[in-house]
Protein backbone atom coordinates (compact mmCIF):
# COMPACT_ATOMS: atom_id res chain seq x y z
CA MET A 1 0.00 0.00 0.00
CA ALA A 2 1.43 3.34 -1.04
CA THR A 3 1.86 5.97 1.66
CA TYR A 4 1.73 8.97 -0.69
CA SER A 5 -0.74 11.39 0.90
CA HIS A 6 -2.12 13.15 -2.19
CA PRO A 7 -5.45 11.91 -3.61
CA PHE A 8 -3.69 11.25 -6.93
CA HIS A 9 -0.98 8.60 -7.33
CA GLU A 10 2.57 9.91 -7.80
CA LEU A 11 2.56 8.53 -11.36
CA THR A 12 0.15 11.38 -12.15
CA PHE A 13 2.83 13.98 -11.54
CA GLU A 14 5.63 12.00 -13.19
CA LEU A 15 3.68 11.72 -16.45
CA GLN A 16 2.49 15.30 -16.28
CA LYS A 17 6.08 16.49 -15.96
CA ASN A 18 7.89 14.09 -18.29
CA ALA A 19 5.30 13.40 -20.99
CA ALA A 20 3.07 16.50 -20.99
CA GLN A 21 0.35 16.75 -23.63
CA SER A 22 -1.79 19.58 -24.96
CA LYS A 23 -5.57 20.01 -24.97
CA GLN A 24 -5.41 20.14 -28.76
CA THR A 25 -3.76 16.72 -28.91
CA ILE A 26 -6.32 15.14 -26.57
CA HIS A 27 -9.16 16.85 -28.44
CA HIS A 28 -8.13 15.59 -31.89
CA LEU A 29 -7.14 12.08 -30.80
CA TRP A 30 -10.38 11.56 -28.89
CA ALA A 31 -12.52 12.68 -31.86
CA GLN A 32 -10.54 10.39 -34.16
CA LEU A 33 -10.96 7.35 -31.89
CA ALA A 34 -14.63 8.13 -31.22
CA GLY A 35 -15.35 8.50 -34.93
CA THR A 36 -17.26 11.75 -34.49
CA ARG A 37 -16.95 15.33 -35.66
CA HIS A 38 -19.47 16.46 -33.04
CA VAL A 39 -16.98 18.02 -30.67
CA PRO A 40 -16.66 21.68 -29.64
CA THR A 41 -14.79 23.85 -32.15
CA GLU A 42 -12.31 24.97 -29.51
CA PRO A 43 -10.40 22.38 -27.43
CA VAL A 44 -12.00 23.24 -24.07
CA LEU A 45 -13.73 19.95 -23.27
CA PHE A 46 -10.92 17.66 -22.11
CA SER A 47 -8.26 18.08 -19.46
CA GLU A 48 -4.75 17.46 -20.76
CA TRP A 49 -3.48 16.01 -17.47
CA PRO A 50 -3.22 12.25 -16.79
CA LEU A 51 -4.94 11.39 -13.50
CA ILE A 52 -4.33 8.19 -11.52
CA ALA A 53 -6.11 7.54 -8.22
CA SER A 54 -4.06 6.89 -5.13
CA TYR A 55 -4.78 3.56 -3.45
CA ARG A 56 -6.48 5.43 -0.63
CA LEU A 57 -8.74 7.41 -2.97
CA GLN A 58 -9.66 4.30 -4.94
CA ASP A 59 -10.51 2.43 -1.74
CA LYS A 60 -12.67 5.31 -0.50
CA LEU A 61 -14.59 5.60 -3.78
CA THR A 62 -15.28 1.87 -3.91
CA GLN A 63 -16.29 1.68 -0.25
CA ARG A 64 -18.64 4.65 -0.48
CA VAL A 65 -20.39 3.64 -3.67
CA VAL A 66 -20.96 0.06 -2.45
CA ALA A 67 -22.43 1.42 0.79
CA LEU A 68 -24.68 3.79 -1.16
CA CYS A 69 -25.92 1.02 -3.48
CA ASN A 70 -26.67 -1.22 -0.50
CA ILE A 71 -28.70 1.43 1.29
CA LEU A 72 -30.57 2.23 -1.95
CA LYS A 73 -31.54 -1.40 -2.68
CA PRO A 74 -35.18 -1.03 -1.53
CA LYS A 75 -35.47 1.98 -3.86
CA LEU A 76 -34.26 0.00 -6.90
CA GLN A 77 -36.93 -2.71 -7.08
CA ALA A 78 -38.98 -3.28 -10.24
CA GLU A 79 -42.24 -3.07 -8.28
CA LEU A 80 -41.75 0.66 -7.81
CA MET A 81 -42.10 1.11 -11.58
CA GLN A 82 -45.33 -0.85 -11.68
CA ALA A 83 -46.74 1.46 -9.04
CA LYS A 84 -46.07 4.29 -11.51
CA GLY A 85 -48.06 2.59 -14.25
CA TRP A 86 -45.37 0.82 -16.30
CA GLN A 87 -46.58 -2.62 -17.42
CA HIS A 88 -43.17 -4.12 -18.19
CA ALA A 89 -41.25 -3.24 -15.06
CA SER A 90 -37.53 -3.70 -14.51
CA ALA A 91 -35.21 -2.93 -11.62
CA ALA A 92 -32.80 -0.01 -11.91
CA ASP A 93 -29.70 -1.13 -13.81
CA VAL A 94 -27.39 1.89 -13.49
CA LEU A 95 -26.40 4.49 -10.94
CA THR A 96 -24.31 7.57 -11.65
CA VAL A 97 -22.72 8.99 -8.49
CA ASP A 98 -20.72 12.21 -8.07
CA TYR A 99 -18.14 12.64 -5.30
CA ALA A 100 -16.20 15.83 -4.56
CA ILE A 101 -12.65 15.60 -3.23
CA ILE A 102 -12.77 17.93 -0.24
CA VAL A 103 -10.69 19.40 2.55
CA ASP A 104 -11.11 17.29 5.68
CA GLU A 105 -11.88 20.03 8.19
CA GLU A 106 -11.34 17.63 11.09
CA GLY A 107 -7.96 16.34 9.91
CA ASP A 108 -4.47 17.76 9.55
CA ALA A 109 -3.79 20.82 7.44
CA ASP A 110 -3.28 18.74 4.27
CA ALA A 111 -5.97 16.16 5.04
CA TRP A 112 -8.60 15.34 2.40
CA ASP A 113 -11.72 13.21 2.11
CA ILE A 114 -14.55 12.68 -0.36
CA ARG A 115 -18.16 13.86 -0.10
CA LEU A 116 -21.24 12.67 -1.96
CA VAL A 117 -22.56 15.43 -4.22
CA GLU A 118 -25.53 13.68 -5.86
CA PHE A 119 -26.68 10.54 -7.64
CA GLN A 120 -29.17 9.49 -10.29
CA ALA A 121 -30.23 6.32 -12.12
CA PHE A 122 -29.01 7.50 -15.51
CA THR A 123 -26.04 6.70 -17.76
CA SER A 124 -23.79 9.63 -18.63
CA LEU A 125 -20.45 9.92 -20.47
CA LEU A 126 -19.65 6.21 -20.47
CA THR A 127 -18.43 6.13 -24.07
CA MET A 128 -16.51 9.36 -23.60
CA GLY A 129 -14.53 7.67 -20.85
CA TYR A 130 -13.86 4.53 -22.86
CA ARG A 131 -12.48 6.45 -25.83
CA LEU A 132 -10.48 8.72 -23.52
CA HIS A 133 -8.81 5.66 -21.99
CA GLN A 134 -7.83 4.55 -25.50
CA ALA A 135 -6.37 8.00 -26.17
CA HIS A 136 -4.46 8.04 -22.88
CA SER A 137 -3.10 4.55 -23.55
CA GLN A 138 -1.55 5.82 -26.77
CA LEU A 139 -0.15 9.00 -25.24
CA TRP A 140 0.98 7.43 -21.96
CA PRO A 141 1.49 3.66 -22.52
CA GLN A 142 1.94 3.15 -18.75
CA LEU A 143 -1.81 3.81 -18.36
CA ALA A 144 -2.99 1.03 -20.67
CA ASP A 145 -3.04 -1.36 -17.69
CA CYS A 146 -4.69 1.19 -15.37
CA PRO A 147 -8.22 1.39 -16.81
CA PRO A 148 -10.84 3.66 -15.24
CA TRP A 149 -13.11 0.70 -14.46
CA GLN A 150 -13.08 -2.38 -12.24
CA LYS A 151 -12.13 -5.81 -13.49
CA SER A 152 -15.33 -7.65 -14.35
CA SER A 153 -16.35 -11.12 -13.24
CA GLY A 154 -14.93 -13.77 -15.55
CA ASN A 155 -12.20 -11.29 -16.60
CA LEU A 156 -14.25 -10.17 -19.59
CA ASP A 157 -13.02 -7.01 -21.24
CA TRP A 158 -14.96 -3.76 -21.02
CA LEU A 159 -16.74 -4.15 -24.36
CA GLN A 160 -17.78 -7.74 -23.60
CA THR A 161 -19.16 -6.72 -20.23
CA CYS A 162 -20.95 -3.58 -21.38
CA ARG A 163 -22.48 -4.68 -24.68
CA PRO A 164 -25.31 -6.86 -23.26
CA TRP A 165 -25.89 -4.33 -20.48
CA LEU A 166 -26.11 -1.27 -22.71
CA ALA A 167 -26.89 -2.49 -26.21
CA GLY A 168 -27.98 -6.11 -26.12
CA GLY A 169 -30.83 -7.65 -28.08
CA ASP A 170 -31.08 -8.25 -31.80
CA ASN A 171 -31.76 -4.69 -32.92
CA PRO A 172 -31.15 -2.01 -30.28
CA ALA A 173 -31.50 1.76 -30.71
CA LEU A 174 -30.37 4.89 -28.88
CA LEU A 175 -33.27 7.13 -27.82
CA GLU A 176 -32.98 10.87 -27.12
CA TYR A 177 -35.07 14.01 -27.54
CA LEU A 178 -33.60 16.66 -29.87
CA PRO A 179 -30.24 14.83 -29.89
CA TRP A 180 -28.56 17.09 -32.45
CA GLN A 181 -29.07 20.14 -30.24
CA ARG A 182 -27.50 18.64 -27.10
CA GLY A 183 -24.36 19.89 -25.43
CA THR A 184 -23.62 16.19 -24.81
CA LEU A 185 -23.86 15.33 -28.52
CA PHE A 186 -20.15 14.44 -28.56
CA ASP A 187 -20.79 11.52 -26.20
CA LEU A 188 -24.21 10.70 -27.65
CA HIS A 189 -22.90 10.34 -31.21
CA ALA A 190 -19.77 8.51 -30.02
CA THR A 191 -22.08 6.03 -28.27
CA SER A 192 -24.04 5.53 -31.48
CA VAL A 193 -20.80 4.84 -33.35
CA LEU A 194 -19.30 2.53 -30.72
CA TRP A 195 -22.34 0.27 -30.41
CA ASN A 196 -23.59 0.70 -34.00
CA LEU A 197 -26.92 2.08 -32.82
CA PRO A 198 -29.29 4.33 -34.76
CA ILE A 199 -30.24 7.50 -32.87
CA VAL A 200 -34.03 7.75 -32.74
CA GLU A 201 -36.31 10.47 -31.38
CA PRO A 202 -39.75 10.17 -29.73
CA HIS A 203 -41.60 11.41 -32.82
CA GLN A 204 -40.08 8.51 -34.81
CA ILE A 205 -41.43 5.86 -32.41
CA GLU A 206 -44.49 3.71 -33.08
CA ILE A 207 -45.95 0.93 -30.93
CA ASN A 208 -48.22 -1.60 -32.62
CA ALA A 209 -51.20 -3.55 -31.32
CA ASP A 210 -48.89 -6.24 -29.93
CA ARG A 211 -47.01 -3.53 -27.99
CA LEU A 212 -43.86 -3.97 -30.08
CA LEU A 213 -41.73 -0.87 -30.59
CA PHE A 214 -40.73 0.43 -34.03
CA SER A 215 -38.93 3.47 -35.36
CA LYS A 216 -39.39 5.17 -38.72
CA GLN A 217 -36.03 5.98 -40.33
CA ASN A 218 -35.44 7.07 -43.92
CA GLY A 219 -38.80 5.72 -45.00
CA LYS A 220 -38.24 2.35 -43.29
CA ARG A 221 -40.07 0.88 -40.30
CA ILE A 222 -37.67 -0.98 -37.99
CA GLN A 223 -38.49 -2.99 -34.86
CA HIS A 224 -36.28 -2.56 -31.78
CA ASP A 225 -36.09 -5.01 -28.88
CA LYS A 226 -33.70 -2.95 -26.72
CA ILE A 227 -33.46 0.79 -26.06
CA LEU A 228 -30.35 2.50 -24.71
CA ASN A 229 -32.18 5.44 -23.19
CA ARG A 230 -30.94 9.02 -22.88
CA LEU A 231 -34.45 10.51 -22.83
CA ILE A 232 -35.79 12.42 -19.82
CA LEU A 233 -39.58 12.24 -20.02
CA SER A 234 -40.14 15.63 -18.39
CA GLU A 235 -38.60 17.29 -21.45
CA LEU A 236 -41.59 16.20 -23.51
CA ASP A 237 -44.92 17.99 -23.58
CA ASP A 238 -47.48 16.35 -21.28
CA ASN A 239 -49.75 15.73 -24.29
CA ASN A 240 -47.04 14.03 -26.32
CA PRO A 241 -48.55 10.78 -27.69
CA PHE A 242 -45.25 9.02 -27.06
CA LEU A 243 -45.86 9.27 -23.31
CA GLN A 244 -49.21 7.51 -23.62
CA LEU A 245 -47.75 4.63 -25.63
CA VAL A 246 -44.35 3.95 -24.14
CA ARG A 247 -45.63 2.78 -20.74
CA THR A 248 -47.02 -0.39 -22.30
CA ALA A 249 -44.26 -1.12 -24.84
CA ASN A 250 -42.82 -4.63 -24.69
CA VAL A 251 -39.15 -3.66 -24.98
CA ASN A 252 -36.02 -4.00 -22.87
CA TRP A 253 -34.44 -0.80 -21.60
CA HIS A 254 -31.05 0.29 -20.41
CA SER A 255 -31.41 3.32 -18.15
CA HIS A 256 -35.21 3.10 -18.09
CA PRO A 257 -36.78 6.59 -18.26
CA ALA A 258 -38.92 5.96 -15.18
CA TRP A 259 -35.86 5.48 -12.99
CA TYR A 260 -34.67 9.01 -13.67
CA PHE A 261 -37.55 10.18 -11.47
CA LEU A 262 -37.52 7.30 -8.98
CA VAL A 263 -33.84 7.51 -7.98
CA HIS A 264 -32.35 10.99 -7.84
CA LYS A 265 -30.42 13.29 -5.52
CA GLY A 266 -33.57 14.14 -3.55
CA LEU A 267 -33.53 10.67 -2.00
CA ALA A 268 -30.50 11.72 0.03
CA SER A 269 -32.99 13.46 2.36
CA GLU A 270 -35.02 10.26 2.82
CA ILE A 271 -32.28 7.78 3.70
CA ARG A 272 -29.29 7.77 6.02
CA ILE A 273 -26.25 7.28 3.82
CA PRO A 274 -23.15 5.78 5.49
CA PHE A 275 -20.13 8.12 5.72
CA GLU A 276 -22.21 11.15 4.65
CA PRO A 277 -23.67 14.08 6.62
CA GLU A 278 -27.42 14.47 6.92
CA ASN A 279 -29.33 16.02 4.00
CA VAL A 280 -32.81 17.57 4.25
CA ARG A 281 -35.47 19.12 2.01
CA GLY A 282 -35.61 22.87 1.76
CA HIS A 283 -38.42 23.45 4.25
CA HIS A 284 -36.42 21.62 6.96
CA TRP A 285 -33.07 23.36 6.46
CA ARG A 286 -32.92 24.53 10.07
CA ASP A 287 -32.93 20.88 11.23
CA LEU A 288 -29.27 20.71 10.17
CA ASN A 289 -28.36 23.18 12.95
CA LEU A 290 -25.92 25.00 10.69
CA PRO A 291 -25.90 28.67 9.67
CA ALA A 292 -27.26 29.32 6.19
CA HIS A 293 -23.87 30.31 4.73
CA LYS A 294 -22.51 26.85 5.56
CA LEU A 295 -25.16 25.15 3.40
CA VAL A 296 -25.85 24.40 -0.26
CA ALA A 297 -29.35 24.26 -1.75
CA LYS A 298 -30.08 22.56 -5.08
CA ASN A 299 -33.33 21.88 -6.89
CA ILE A 300 -33.80 18.12 -7.11
CA PHE A 301 -35.13 18.33 -10.69
CA SER A 302 -32.30 20.46 -12.10
CA CYS A 303 -28.99 19.42 -13.62
CA GLY A 304 -25.80 20.94 -15.06
CA GLY A 305 -25.25 23.35 -12.16
CA LYS A 306 -28.61 25.11 -12.56
CA ASP A 307 -30.86 26.16 -9.65
CA LEU A 308 -28.01 26.01 -7.16
CA PHE A 309 -27.30 28.27 -4.17
CA ILE A 310 -23.86 27.92 -2.55
CA GLY A 311 -23.62 29.56 0.88
CA PRO A 312 -27.01 31.36 0.71
CA ASN A 313 -28.45 33.58 3.44
CA GLU A 314 -31.48 32.75 5.57
CA GLN A 315 -33.84 34.77 3.40
CA VAL A 316 -32.92 32.77 0.29
CA LEU A 317 -33.55 29.47 2.06
CA ASP A 318 -36.79 30.65 3.65
CA GLN A 319 -38.11 31.83 0.28
CA LEU A 320 -37.25 28.84 -1.89
CA ASP A 321 -39.99 28.24 -4.46
CA LYS A 322 -41.64 24.90 -3.59
CA ALA A 323 -39.08 24.28 -0.87
CA GLU A 324 -39.98 20.58 -0.68
CA ASN A 325 -38.37 20.21 -4.13
CA TRP A 326 -35.00 21.47 -2.90
CA LEU A 327 -32.22 19.46 -1.28
CA VAL A 328 -30.10 21.20 1.35
CA GLN A 329 -26.65 19.85 2.28
CA PRO A 330 -23.74 20.98 4.45
CA ARG A 331 -21.29 22.97 2.37
CA TYR A 332 -17.78 21.62 1.82
CA ARG A 333 -14.45 23.16 0.85
CA PRO A 334 -12.95 21.58 -2.29
CA TYR A 335 -9.43 20.23 -1.96
CA PRO A 336 -6.90 21.97 -4.26
CA MET A 337 -5.51 19.07 -6.27
CA MET A 338 -2.95 21.08 -8.24
CA THR A 339 -1.98 24.58 -9.27
CA ASN A 340 -1.58 25.32 -12.97
CA LYS A 341 1.07 27.55 -14.53
CA ALA A 342 -1.26 30.55 -14.33
CA GLY A 343 -1.41 30.12 -10.55
CA GLU A 344 -5.02 28.90 -10.57
CA LYS A 345 -5.98 26.16 -8.12
CA VAL A 346 -7.63 23.19 -9.80
CA TYR A 347 -10.20 21.00 -8.02
CA ALA A 348 -11.74 17.62 -8.82
CA GLU A 349 -15.13 15.95 -8.80
CA VAL A 350 -15.33 12.22 -9.57
CA ARG A 351 -18.28 10.62 -11.33
CA LEU A 352 -18.71 6.85 -10.96
CA ILE A 353 -20.98 5.07 -13.44
CA VAL A 354 -22.09 1.86 -11.76
CA LYS A 355 -23.68 -1.26 -13.27
CA LEU A 356 -26.42 -2.47 -10.95
CA ASP A 357 -27.65 -6.01 -10.51
CA LEU A 358 -29.65 -6.67 -7.36
CA THR A 359 -28.18 -10.18 -7.12
CA MET A 360 -24.52 -9.10 -7.45
CA GLN A 361 -22.11 -6.49 -6.15
CA PRO A 362 -22.22 -3.17 -8.01
CA TRP A 363 -19.58 -2.91 -10.73
CA ILE A 364 -17.82 0.41 -11.40
CA ALA A 365 -18.00 0.66 -15.19
CA MET A 366 -16.30 4.06 -15.48
CA GLN A 367 -14.56 6.71 -13.39
CA ILE A 368 -14.94 10.19 -14.88
CA VAL A 369 -13.23 13.27 -13.41
CA ARG A 370 -14.25 16.87 -13.90
CA MET A 371 -11.32 19.17 -13.18
CA TYR A 372 -12.43 22.73 -12.50
CA CYS A 373 -11.11 26.07 -11.31
CA ALA A 374 -12.95 28.67 -9.24
CA GLU A 375 -16.45 27.95 -10.57
CA GLN A 376 -18.49 24.76 -10.53
CA ALA A 377 -17.55 21.36 -11.93
CA SER A 378 -20.12 21.54 -14.74
CA ALA A 379 -18.76 21.53 -18.31
CA SER A 380 -20.68 24.75 -19.01
CA PHE A 381 -18.00 26.57 -16.99
CA PHE A 382 -14.98 25.16 -18.88
CA GLN A 383 -12.91 27.90 -20.53
CA GLY A 384 -9.86 26.00 -21.76
CA ARG A 385 -7.69 26.75 -18.74
CA GLU A 386 -4.74 24.44 -18.07
CA GLY A 387 -5.81 21.24 -16.34
CA GLU A 388 -9.51 22.09 -16.51
CA GLY A 389 -11.96 19.79 -18.29
CA ALA A 390 -13.45 16.31 -18.47
CA ASN A 391 -11.10 13.43 -17.76
CA ILE A 392 -10.95 9.86 -16.53
CA LEU A 393 -9.62 8.60 -13.22
CA HIS A 394 -7.28 5.70 -13.88
CA ARG A 395 -7.11 3.03 -11.22
CA PRO A 396 -3.72 2.80 -9.47
CA PRO A 397 -1.04 0.48 -10.84
CA GLY A 398 -1.44 -3.16 -9.83
CA GLU A 399 -5.15 -2.90 -8.99
């Protein structure tokens, strides 16, 4: 066991110093490997730094996410979907969990820990991470054997493990609403390319009298038996005919749209999560017995850093619109992972994408890192600063 105290393994700094790369290089190589031109014009998306977890950080992430999945098990059962009117119910099969690397206020001056930020039953940036690992393995060959995912049972490779989970069946499709207008189109299109999936939209979907699902593409009518879902139902109009039909469709789903609403960050106020401080809904913020400026409030139905108050005052918390729809958490201080050449401190938030199976241990399918400067970790704040951007967290050597 290494004794190095930093959250990142010392190999991180050796590679950064001796084999430095540019954002432009990462940007172009990733797009080439992903087979997509749908990347931002400017190279602001990806961090150019290699990042390898320390043994301690990797152990903490694994321990925390397993504990979270165990406590969430009653919330992941297929029966909860049937109660919401879905005829062909299935248990939640994925959990995406964000952890911030924070200053440990109770430890030594350089002590750090991790803190749960939020979670949801939705797949995000999985293909981006896979292609980024391929890029890193070319640029830093030492990282080829340090993938950002756990070894799978039976020692299957990542593609063998993920294909039946994400894109099994005889004729799967990728479903999204207005896909070509998404800020995440780079990952969405890369996913379509990797798994050879057509991208279909709700208006292209038909369901016949036998409840089989079809899409209309280029004048052809094609049946699909599996859907890799990126659709959030609330983005559709309530009168959309798709909503009336899809509840009864006889089709297998990955990342079922119902689970987006059944398992989300708001549940942190309803369960006691091991290793984490108490969370409450907005109308109970005083139950935390902390001053308002030491809290964070976030709307449970928002994403991408929207509807977020960091260190608000009492008036803001007392006047939250529909306060029961807000989650309030103790505020944390992010741990400065590095300082770039411009003198800016760079912080890290880790996203774990976890394959769920209620009969097996959760499997970490990807470890994404968002490196950010003074603002939030959301990609909408990336400006192309050194170190900043989306990345992967490689597992430490020998894992």
